[in-house]
Each structure stands twice: as C-alpha cells, then as structure tokens.
Amino acid sequence: MMDKKLSLEYLEFLKNYINVLKEFIEVENRKFEILSLNQLDMLDDCVKLEEVYLLKTRGLEQERLKYMERLGHPDLKFRKLIPLLPEEVKEDYTKVFEEISDTVKELRRINLQANSAAKIRLQQIEKVIDKLENNNTALKNSYNREAQKENKASNFISKKI
C-alpha cells in the first residue's frame, strides 16, 4: 500500500495537469479556427502560445515521472497504479484517470485537425507562390523579348546617323 498523503498530493498534481491540458486544447482550437478562417496574420501569436504549452506539458510530464518515482513505481503505467493505492483514493484516481485519458484524446484529435488545416494552407500558399513565379518568368521572358527588340532598333538607328 502506498502513502496516503503522497497519493493525495499526486492526485492534486494530476488535476492541475488536466487543467493545463484543457487550456492547451483551447489554444489548439484557436489555431484550427485561425487556419480555417485563413487569418494567417494571427497564426504567429497562436503558435507562440502553443510552444509555451508544449513546454509546460513537458515540464509537467517530468514532474509526473518524479511523482511516480516517489511513489516507488517509476516504470508503472498510470492505470496499473490505481490498484496499489489506498482504498479511500482509488475512486478519485479512477475518475482522474478517465478524465486525463479523455483530455489527451481530445488534445490529440484537435492537434491533428489543426495540423491538417495547416498543411492544406501551406499547400495553397505553395500553389500561389508557384503561380507568381511562373507569371514572373513569363514577364521576364516578355520583357527580355521587348528589350532585345529595342536593342536591335537602337543599333539600327545609330548606324544610320
């Protein structure tokens, strides 16, 4: 049986972790919305915030692993930890486990959705750039032909004078 005080402390930590994950979901939803509405000028701030949450979750994950070490089970999966906890906290841990699982699934889902939208926007931008480059090449070719005609004409005139 594990220490009740430490298991309650870890439970509070996990609840905080869930809140951070939910905030991260809001950022990812906002990113998806920005991409869907093609408001690319707003994307930079959103990506910066996304990076902040990535760092936060990495730090929380490291802290979670430290808790697992303190609980005496560094390699144990969260689900397998529940039976080893004091009876009076098992139900709370089960609820937290389900909430973490659901929250992580939602985060993955919206992250994939936002990344797909970003890929689509990037492809659209690449097409526009290709068109601009092709148009630019056509203009250069046209300009070069005109310049060559003018150059020949100026040689012709200068020889007659």
N, C-alpha and C. Protein backbone atom coordinates (compact mmCIF):
# COMPACT_ATOMS: atom_id res chain seq x y z
N MET A 1 0.85 -1.18 0.00
CA MET A 1 0.00 0.00 0.00
C MET A 1 0.89 1.24 0.00
N MET A 2 0.46 2.25 -0.71
CA MET A 2 1.24 3.48 -0.83
C MET A 2 0.83 4.50 0.22
N ASP A 3 1.71 5.47 0.40
CA ASP A 3 1.49 6.55 1.34
C ASP A 3 0.28 7.38 0.92
N LYS A 4 -0.68 7.54 1.84
CA LYS A 4 -1.92 8.26 1.54
C LYS A 4 -1.65 9.73 1.25
N LYS A 5 -0.80 10.36 2.07
CA LYS A 5 -0.51 11.79 1.90
C LYS A 5 0.11 12.06 0.53
N LEU A 6 1.08 11.25 0.14
CA LEU A 6 1.73 11.41 -1.15
C LEU A 6 0.75 11.13 -2.29
N SER A 7 -0.11 10.14 -2.12
CA SER A 7 -1.08 9.82 -3.17
C SER A 7 -2.10 10.96 -3.34
N LEU A 8 -2.47 11.63 -2.24
CA LEU A 8 -3.37 12.79 -2.34
C LEU A 8 -2.67 13.98 -3.01
N GLU A 9 -1.40 14.16 -2.68
CA GLU A 9 -0.61 15.23 -3.31
C GLU A 9 -0.50 14.99 -4.82
N TYR A 10 -0.25 13.75 -5.18
CA TYR A 10 -0.13 13.38 -6.59
C TYR A 10 -1.48 13.58 -7.30
N LEU A 11 -2.55 13.27 -6.64
CA LEU A 11 -3.89 13.46 -7.20
C LEU A 11 -4.14 14.93 -7.52
N GLU A 12 -3.77 15.82 -6.62
CA GLU A 12 -3.92 17.26 -6.86
C GLU A 12 -3.05 17.71 -8.02
N PHE A 13 -1.85 17.18 -8.08
CA PHE A 13 -0.97 17.48 -9.21
C PHE A 13 -1.62 17.07 -10.53
N LEU A 14 -2.22 15.88 -10.56
CA LEU A 14 -2.85 15.38 -11.78
C LEU A 14 -4.05 16.24 -12.19
N LYS A 15 -4.78 16.73 -11.22
CA LYS A 15 -5.92 17.62 -11.53
C LYS A 15 -5.41 18.91 -12.16
N ASN A 16 -4.31 19.43 -11.66
CA ASN A 16 -3.70 20.62 -12.24
C ASN A 16 -3.20 20.33 -13.66
N TYR A 17 -2.62 19.17 -13.84
CA TYR A 17 -2.13 18.74 -15.16
C TYR A 17 -3.29 18.72 -16.16
N ILE A 18 -4.43 18.21 -15.74
CA ILE A 18 -5.62 18.16 -16.59
C ILE A 18 -6.04 19.58 -16.99
N ASN A 19 -6.01 20.49 -16.05
CA ASN A 19 -6.38 21.89 -16.35
C ASN A 19 -5.46 22.50 -17.40
N VAL A 20 -4.17 22.22 -17.29
CA VAL A 20 -3.21 22.74 -18.27
C VAL A 20 -3.49 22.11 -19.64
N LEU A 21 -3.79 20.81 -19.66
CA LEU A 21 -4.12 20.15 -20.93
C LEU A 21 -5.38 20.75 -21.56
N LYS A 22 -6.35 21.09 -20.74
CA LYS A 22 -7.59 21.71 -21.26
C LYS A 22 -7.31 23.10 -21.83
N GLU A 23 -6.42 23.85 -21.17
CA GLU A 23 -6.03 25.15 -21.70
C GLU A 23 -5.31 24.98 -23.04
N PHE A 24 -4.49 23.94 -23.13
CA PHE A 24 -3.77 23.63 -24.37
C PHE A 24 -4.78 23.30 -25.48
N ILE A 25 -5.83 22.60 -25.15
CA ILE A 25 -6.88 22.28 -26.12
C ILE A 25 -7.51 23.57 -26.65
N GLU A 26 -7.73 24.53 -25.78
CA GLU A 26 -8.29 25.82 -26.20
C GLU A 26 -7.36 26.52 -27.21
N VAL A 27 -6.06 26.44 -26.95
CA VAL A 27 -5.08 27.04 -27.86
C VAL A 27 -5.13 26.33 -29.21
N GLU A 28 -5.19 25.01 -29.19
CA GLU A 28 -5.25 24.24 -30.44
C GLU A 28 -6.55 24.51 -31.20
N ASN A 29 -7.64 24.66 -30.47
CA ASN A 29 -8.92 25.01 -31.11
C ASN A 29 -8.81 26.38 -31.78
N ARG A 30 -8.18 27.31 -31.10
CA ARG A 30 -7.99 28.66 -31.65
C ARG A 30 -7.12 28.60 -32.90
N LYS A 31 -6.07 27.79 -32.86
CA LYS A 31 -5.19 27.62 -34.01
C LYS A 31 -5.97 27.07 -35.20
N PHE A 32 -6.79 26.07 -34.94
CA PHE A 32 -7.60 25.48 -36.01
C PHE A 32 -8.56 26.52 -36.59
N GLU A 33 -9.17 27.30 -35.71
CA GLU A 33 -10.11 28.35 -36.15
C GLU A 33 -9.39 29.38 -37.02
N ILE A 34 -8.22 29.80 -36.60
CA ILE A 34 -7.43 30.78 -37.36
C ILE A 34 -7.10 30.24 -38.74
N LEU A 35 -6.68 28.98 -38.79
CA LEU A 35 -6.34 28.36 -40.07
C LEU A 35 -7.58 28.19 -40.94
N SER A 36 -8.68 27.81 -40.34
CA SER A 36 -9.92 27.60 -41.10
C SER A 36 -10.44 28.90 -41.69
N LEU A 37 -10.27 29.99 -40.96
CA LEU A 37 -10.74 31.29 -41.43
C LEU A 37 -9.69 32.02 -42.26
N ASN A 38 -8.55 31.36 -42.47
CA ASN A 38 -7.46 31.92 -43.26
C ASN A 38 -6.97 33.25 -42.70
N GLN A 39 -6.92 33.37 -41.39
CA GLN A 39 -6.41 34.58 -40.71
C GLN A 39 -4.96 34.36 -40.32
N LEU A 40 -4.14 34.16 -41.33
CA LEU A 40 -2.75 33.76 -41.11
C LEU A 40 -1.93 34.80 -40.36
N ASP A 41 -2.36 36.05 -40.40
CA ASP A 41 -1.64 37.09 -39.68
C ASP A 41 -1.74 36.88 -38.17
N MET A 42 -2.76 36.15 -37.72
CA MET A 42 -2.94 35.89 -36.29
C MET A 42 -2.28 34.57 -35.85
N LEU A 43 -1.80 33.82 -36.81
CA LEU A 43 -1.26 32.50 -36.53
C LEU A 43 0.02 32.54 -35.70
N ASP A 44 0.85 33.54 -35.92
CA ASP A 44 2.14 33.62 -35.22
C ASP A 44 1.97 33.65 -33.71
N ASP A 45 1.06 34.50 -33.22
CA ASP A 45 0.83 34.58 -31.77
C ASP A 45 0.31 33.26 -31.22
N CYS A 46 -0.54 32.62 -31.99
CA CYS A 46 -1.11 31.35 -31.56
C CYS A 46 -0.02 30.26 -31.48
N VAL A 47 0.86 30.24 -32.45
CA VAL A 47 1.95 29.25 -32.47
C VAL A 47 2.90 29.49 -31.29
N LYS A 48 3.15 30.76 -30.97
CA LYS A 48 4.00 31.06 -29.81
C LYS A 48 3.35 30.54 -28.52
N LEU A 49 2.05 30.73 -28.39
CA LEU A 49 1.33 30.24 -27.22
C LEU A 49 1.33 28.71 -27.19
N GLU A 50 1.21 28.11 -28.35
CA GLU A 50 1.28 26.65 -28.45
C GLU A 50 2.63 26.15 -27.94
N GLU A 51 3.70 26.84 -28.30
CA GLU A 51 5.04 26.46 -27.84
C GLU A 51 5.15 26.56 -26.32
N VAL A 52 4.52 27.59 -25.75
CA VAL A 52 4.51 27.75 -24.29
C VAL A 52 3.85 26.53 -23.64
N TYR A 53 2.72 26.12 -24.19
CA TYR A 53 2.01 24.97 -23.62
C TYR A 53 2.75 23.66 -23.85
N LEU A 54 3.46 23.55 -24.95
CA LEU A 54 4.29 22.36 -25.16
C LEU A 54 5.35 22.26 -24.07
N LEU A 55 5.98 23.40 -23.77
CA LEU A 55 6.99 23.41 -22.72
C LEU A 55 6.38 23.12 -21.35
N LYS A 56 5.20 23.69 -21.09
CA LYS A 56 4.51 23.43 -19.82
C LYS A 56 4.21 21.95 -19.65
N THR A 57 3.68 21.34 -20.71
CA THR A 57 3.31 19.93 -20.59
C THR A 57 4.54 19.03 -20.47
N ARG A 58 5.64 19.42 -21.12
CA ARG A 58 6.88 18.64 -20.94
C ARG A 58 7.34 18.71 -19.49
N GLY A 59 7.29 19.91 -18.92
CA GLY A 59 7.68 20.07 -17.52
C GLY A 59 6.77 19.29 -16.59
N LEU A 60 5.47 19.33 -16.86
CA LEU A 60 4.52 18.57 -16.03
C LEU A 60 4.74 17.07 -16.17
N GLU A 61 5.08 16.64 -17.36
CA GLU A 61 5.33 15.21 -17.56
C GLU A 61 6.57 14.77 -16.78
N GLN A 62 7.59 15.61 -16.76
CA GLN A 62 8.79 15.29 -15.97
C GLN A 62 8.44 15.23 -14.49
N GLU A 63 7.61 16.16 -14.05
CA GLU A 63 7.19 16.18 -12.65
C GLU A 63 6.35 14.94 -12.33
N ARG A 64 5.51 14.53 -13.27
CA ARG A 64 4.69 13.32 -13.08
C ARG A 64 5.58 12.10 -12.90
N LEU A 65 6.64 12.02 -13.70
CA LEU A 65 7.57 10.89 -13.59
C LEU A 65 8.28 10.90 -12.23
N LYS A 66 8.58 12.09 -11.73
CA LYS A 66 9.20 12.19 -10.39
C LYS A 66 8.24 11.69 -9.31
N TYR A 67 6.97 12.04 -9.46
CA TYR A 67 5.97 11.53 -8.52
C TYR A 67 5.92 10.01 -8.55
N MET A 68 5.98 9.47 -9.75
CA MET A 68 5.93 8.01 -9.87
C MET A 68 7.14 7.37 -9.17
N GLU A 69 8.29 8.02 -9.27
CA GLU A 69 9.48 7.54 -8.56
C GLU A 69 9.26 7.61 -7.05
N ARG A 70 8.72 8.75 -6.60
CA ARG A 70 8.48 8.93 -5.16
C ARG A 70 7.46 7.91 -4.64
N LEU A 71 6.52 7.54 -5.50
CA LEU A 71 5.53 6.54 -5.11
C LEU A 71 6.12 5.12 -5.14
N GLY A 72 7.33 5.01 -5.67
CA GLY A 72 8.01 3.72 -5.67
C GLY A 72 7.73 2.87 -6.90
N HIS A 73 7.15 3.47 -7.94
CA HIS A 73 6.81 2.72 -9.16
C HIS A 73 7.12 3.55 -10.41
N PRO A 74 8.41 3.80 -10.67
CA PRO A 74 8.77 4.68 -11.79
C PRO A 74 8.38 4.14 -13.17
N ASP A 75 8.29 2.84 -13.33
CA ASP A 75 8.02 2.27 -14.65
C ASP A 75 6.57 1.82 -14.82
N LEU A 76 5.75 2.04 -13.82
CA LEU A 76 4.38 1.57 -13.84
C LEU A 76 3.47 2.51 -14.63
N LYS A 77 2.59 1.94 -15.43
CA LYS A 77 1.59 2.74 -16.14
C LYS A 77 0.58 3.25 -15.12
N PHE A 78 0.00 4.43 -15.44
CA PHE A 78 -0.94 5.07 -14.51
C PHE A 78 -2.09 4.13 -14.15
N ARG A 79 -2.65 3.46 -15.13
CA ARG A 79 -3.78 2.56 -14.90
C ARG A 79 -3.43 1.43 -13.91
N LYS A 80 -2.19 0.96 -14.00
CA LYS A 80 -1.75 -0.13 -13.12
C LYS A 80 -1.43 0.35 -11.71
N LEU A 81 -1.30 1.66 -11.56
CA LEU A 81 -1.01 2.24 -10.25
C LEU A 81 -2.24 2.21 -9.35
N ILE A 82 -3.41 2.36 -9.91
CA ILE A 82 -4.65 2.51 -9.14
C ILE A 82 -4.88 1.38 -8.13
N PRO A 83 -4.71 0.12 -8.51
CA PRO A 83 -4.93 -0.95 -7.52
C PRO A 83 -3.97 -0.91 -6.32
N LEU A 84 -2.84 -0.25 -6.49
CA LEU A 84 -1.84 -0.20 -5.42
C LEU A 84 -2.07 0.95 -4.44
N LEU A 85 -3.03 1.82 -4.75
CA LEU A 85 -3.29 3.00 -3.92
C LEU A 85 -4.17 2.67 -2.73
N PRO A 86 -4.15 3.53 -1.69
CA PRO A 86 -5.06 3.33 -0.56
C PRO A 86 -6.52 3.34 -1.03
N GLU A 87 -7.34 2.51 -0.43
CA GLU A 87 -8.75 2.35 -0.83
C GLU A 87 -9.48 3.68 -0.93
N GLU A 88 -9.25 4.57 0.03
CA GLU A 88 -10.02 5.81 0.06
C GLU A 88 -9.73 6.77 -1.10
N VAL A 89 -8.68 6.52 -1.89
CA VAL A 89 -8.38 7.41 -3.02
C VAL A 89 -8.57 6.73 -4.37
N LYS A 90 -8.82 5.44 -4.38
CA LYS A 90 -8.94 4.70 -5.66
C LYS A 90 -10.03 5.26 -6.56
N GLU A 91 -11.17 5.58 -6.00
CA GLU A 91 -12.28 6.09 -6.81
C GLU A 91 -11.91 7.44 -7.45
N ASP A 92 -11.28 8.31 -6.66
CA ASP A 92 -10.85 9.61 -7.19
C ASP A 92 -9.81 9.44 -8.30
N TYR A 93 -8.89 8.53 -8.10
CA TYR A 93 -7.87 8.27 -9.12
C TYR A 93 -8.49 7.70 -10.39
N THR A 94 -9.47 6.85 -10.23
CA THR A 94 -10.14 6.28 -11.40
C THR A 94 -10.80 7.39 -12.21
N LYS A 95 -11.47 8.32 -11.54
CA LYS A 95 -12.10 9.45 -12.23
C LYS A 95 -11.05 10.32 -12.93
N VAL A 96 -9.96 10.59 -12.22
CA VAL A 96 -8.89 11.42 -12.78
C VAL A 96 -8.26 10.71 -13.98
N PHE A 97 -8.07 9.40 -13.86
CA PHE A 97 -7.51 8.64 -14.98
C PHE A 97 -8.40 8.76 -16.22
N GLU A 98 -9.69 8.60 -16.03
CA GLU A 98 -10.62 8.71 -17.16
C GLU A 98 -10.60 10.11 -17.76
N GLU A 99 -10.54 11.11 -16.88
CA GLU A 99 -10.51 12.49 -17.38
C GLU A 99 -9.22 12.80 -18.13
N ILE A 100 -8.11 12.31 -17.61
CA ILE A 100 -6.83 12.51 -18.31
C ILE A 100 -6.87 11.81 -19.67
N SER A 101 -7.36 10.59 -19.70
CA SER A 101 -7.44 9.85 -20.96
C SER A 101 -8.29 10.59 -21.99
N ASP A 102 -9.46 11.05 -21.56
CA ASP A 102 -10.35 11.78 -22.46
C ASP A 102 -9.72 13.09 -22.93
N THR A 103 -9.07 13.79 -22.01
CA THR A 103 -8.46 15.08 -22.34
C THR A 103 -7.30 14.91 -23.32
N VAL A 104 -6.48 13.89 -23.10
CA VAL A 104 -5.36 13.64 -24.00
C VAL A 104 -5.88 13.23 -25.38
N LYS A 105 -6.91 12.41 -25.43
CA LYS A 105 -7.50 12.03 -26.73
C LYS A 105 -8.03 13.26 -27.46
N GLU A 106 -8.70 14.15 -26.74
CA GLU A 106 -9.23 15.38 -27.34
C GLU A 106 -8.08 16.27 -27.84
N LEU A 107 -7.03 16.38 -27.06
CA LEU A 107 -5.88 17.18 -27.46
C LEU A 107 -5.25 16.62 -28.73
N ARG A 108 -5.09 15.31 -28.78
CA ARG A 108 -4.53 14.68 -29.98
C ARG A 108 -5.43 14.91 -31.20
N ARG A 109 -6.74 14.79 -30.99
CA ARG A 109 -7.69 14.96 -32.09
C ARG A 109 -7.62 16.38 -32.67
N ILE A 110 -7.68 17.37 -31.79
CA ILE A 110 -7.68 18.75 -32.28
C ILE A 110 -6.31 19.13 -32.83
N ASN A 111 -5.26 18.57 -32.27
CA ASN A 111 -3.91 18.83 -32.78
C ASN A 111 -3.77 18.29 -34.21
N LEU A 112 -4.26 17.07 -34.44
CA LEU A 112 -4.23 16.50 -35.79
C LEU A 112 -5.06 17.34 -36.76
N GLN A 113 -6.21 17.79 -36.29
CA GLN A 113 -7.10 18.61 -37.10
C GLN A 113 -6.40 19.94 -37.47
N ALA A 114 -5.79 20.57 -36.49
CA ALA A 114 -5.10 21.84 -36.73
C ALA A 114 -3.90 21.63 -37.66
N ASN A 115 -3.17 20.55 -37.46
CA ASN A 115 -2.02 20.29 -38.33
C ASN A 115 -2.45 19.99 -39.76
N SER A 116 -3.57 19.30 -39.92
CA SER A 116 -4.11 19.05 -41.26
C SER A 116 -4.50 20.36 -41.93
N ALA A 117 -5.15 21.23 -41.18
CA ALA A 117 -5.53 22.54 -41.72
C ALA A 117 -4.28 23.34 -42.10
N ALA A 118 -3.25 23.27 -41.28
CA ALA A 118 -2.00 23.98 -41.58
C ALA A 118 -1.37 23.43 -42.86
N LYS A 119 -1.40 22.12 -43.04
CA LYS A 119 -0.86 21.51 -44.25
C LYS A 119 -1.61 21.99 -45.49
N ILE A 120 -2.93 22.04 -45.38
CA ILE A 120 -3.75 22.50 -46.51
C ILE A 120 -3.41 23.94 -46.84
N ARG A 121 -3.32 24.81 -45.82
CA ARG A 121 -2.98 26.21 -46.06
C ARG A 121 -1.60 26.34 -46.70
N LEU A 122 -0.66 25.54 -46.23
CA LEU A 122 0.69 25.57 -46.77
C LEU A 122 0.69 25.17 -48.24
N GLN A 123 -0.08 24.14 -48.59
CA GLN A 123 -0.18 23.73 -49.99
C GLN A 123 -0.78 24.85 -50.84
N GLN A 124 -1.80 25.53 -50.29
CA GLN A 124 -2.41 26.64 -51.02
C GLN A 124 -1.41 27.77 -51.23
N ILE A 125 -0.63 28.05 -50.21
CA ILE A 125 0.38 29.11 -50.32
C ILE A 125 1.44 28.73 -51.34
N GLU A 126 1.85 27.46 -51.34
CA GLU A 126 2.84 27.00 -52.31
C GLU A 126 2.32 27.12 -53.74
N LYS A 127 1.03 26.85 -53.96
CA LYS A 127 0.44 27.00 -55.29
C LYS A 127 0.46 28.46 -55.73
N VAL A 128 0.12 29.35 -54.82
CA VAL A 128 0.15 30.78 -55.13
C VAL A 128 1.57 31.21 -55.48
N ILE A 129 2.54 30.75 -54.70
CA ILE A 129 3.94 31.10 -54.97
C ILE A 129 4.37 30.57 -56.33
N ASP A 130 3.98 29.32 -56.65
CA ASP A 130 4.31 28.76 -57.96
C ASP A 130 3.71 29.59 -59.09
N LYS A 131 2.45 30.01 -58.93
CA LYS A 131 1.80 30.84 -59.95
C LYS A 131 2.54 32.16 -60.11
N LEU A 132 2.90 32.76 -58.98
CA LEU A 132 3.62 34.04 -59.04
C LEU A 132 4.97 33.86 -59.72
N GLU A 133 5.65 32.78 -59.40
CA GLU A 133 6.95 32.54 -60.03
C GLU A 133 6.79 32.30 -61.53
N ASN A 134 5.76 31.54 -61.92
CA ASN A 134 5.51 31.29 -63.35
C ASN A 134 5.15 32.58 -64.06
N ASN A 135 4.30 33.40 -63.43
CA ASN A 135 3.95 34.70 -64.02
C ASN A 135 5.17 35.60 -64.12
N ASN A 136 6.01 35.56 -63.10
CA ASN A 136 7.22 36.36 -63.08
C ASN A 136 8.16 35.93 -64.21
N THR A 137 8.26 34.62 -64.42
CA THR A 137 9.09 34.10 -65.51
C THR A 137 8.54 34.55 -66.85
N ALA A 138 7.22 34.48 -67.01
CA ALA A 138 6.59 34.92 -68.26
C ALA A 138 6.85 36.41 -68.47
N LEU A 139 6.74 37.21 -67.42
CA LEU A 139 7.01 38.65 -67.54
C LEU A 139 8.47 38.90 -67.91
N LYS A 140 9.38 38.15 -67.28
CA LYS A 140 10.80 38.31 -67.60
C LYS A 140 11.06 37.99 -69.07
N ASN A 141 10.46 36.85 -69.51
CA ASN A 141 10.65 36.47 -70.91
C ASN A 141 10.09 37.53 -71.84
N SER A 142 8.92 38.04 -71.52
CA SER A 142 8.30 39.09 -72.33
C SER A 142 9.16 40.34 -72.32
N TYR A 143 9.63 40.71 -71.15
CA TYR A 143 10.48 41.90 -71.02
C TYR A 143 11.77 41.71 -71.81
N ASN A 144 12.36 40.52 -71.72
CA ASN A 144 13.61 40.26 -72.44
C ASN A 144 13.40 40.38 -73.95
N ARG A 145 12.27 39.85 -74.45
CA ARG A 145 11.98 39.96 -75.88
C ARG A 145 11.84 41.43 -76.29
N GLU A 146 11.11 42.20 -75.48
CA GLU A 146 10.93 43.62 -75.76
C GLU A 146 12.26 44.36 -75.71
N ALA A 147 13.06 44.01 -74.73
CA ALA A 147 14.37 44.67 -74.58
C ALA A 147 15.27 44.34 -75.76
N GLN A 148 15.21 43.10 -76.23
CA GLN A 148 16.03 42.72 -77.38
C GLN A 148 15.57 43.46 -78.63
N LYS A 149 14.24 43.63 -78.80
CA LYS A 149 13.73 44.38 -79.96
C LYS A 149 14.22 45.82 -79.90
N GLU A 150 14.12 46.42 -78.73
CA GLU A 150 14.56 47.81 -78.57
C GLU A 150 16.06 47.93 -78.82
N ASN A 151 16.79 46.95 -78.35
CA ASN A 151 18.24 46.97 -78.52
C ASN A 151 18.59 46.89 -80.00
N LYS A 152 17.89 46.03 -80.76
CA LYS A 152 18.13 45.93 -82.20
C LYS A 152 17.73 47.22 -82.89
N ALA A 153 16.62 47.76 -82.48
CA ALA A 153 16.15 49.01 -83.09
C ALA A 153 17.13 50.15 -82.81
N SER A 154 17.66 50.22 -81.63
CA SER A 154 18.59 51.31 -81.31
C SER A 154 19.89 51.14 -82.09
N ASN A 155 20.32 49.92 -82.33
CA ASN A 155 21.50 49.69 -83.15
C ASN A 155 21.25 50.14 -84.59
N PHE A 156 20.06 49.85 -85.08
CA PHE A 156 19.70 50.21 -86.43
C PHE A 156 19.69 51.72 -86.62
N ILE A 157 19.09 52.40 -85.68
CA ILE A 157 19.02 53.86 -85.76
C ILE A 157 20.41 54.47 -85.64
N SER A 158 21.19 53.99 -84.72
CA SER A 158 22.50 54.59 -84.50
C SER A 158 23.41 54.38 -85.70
N LYS A 159 23.24 53.34 -86.48
CA LYS A 159 24.08 53.11 -87.66
C LYS A 159 23.72 54.10 -88.76
N LYS A 160 22.47 54.51 -88.82
CA LYS A 160 22.06 55.40 -89.88
C LYS A 160 22.48 56.84 -89.60
N ILE A 161 22.70 57.16 -88.39
CA ILE A 161 23.02 58.55 -88.05
C ILE A 161 24.45 58.77 -88.27
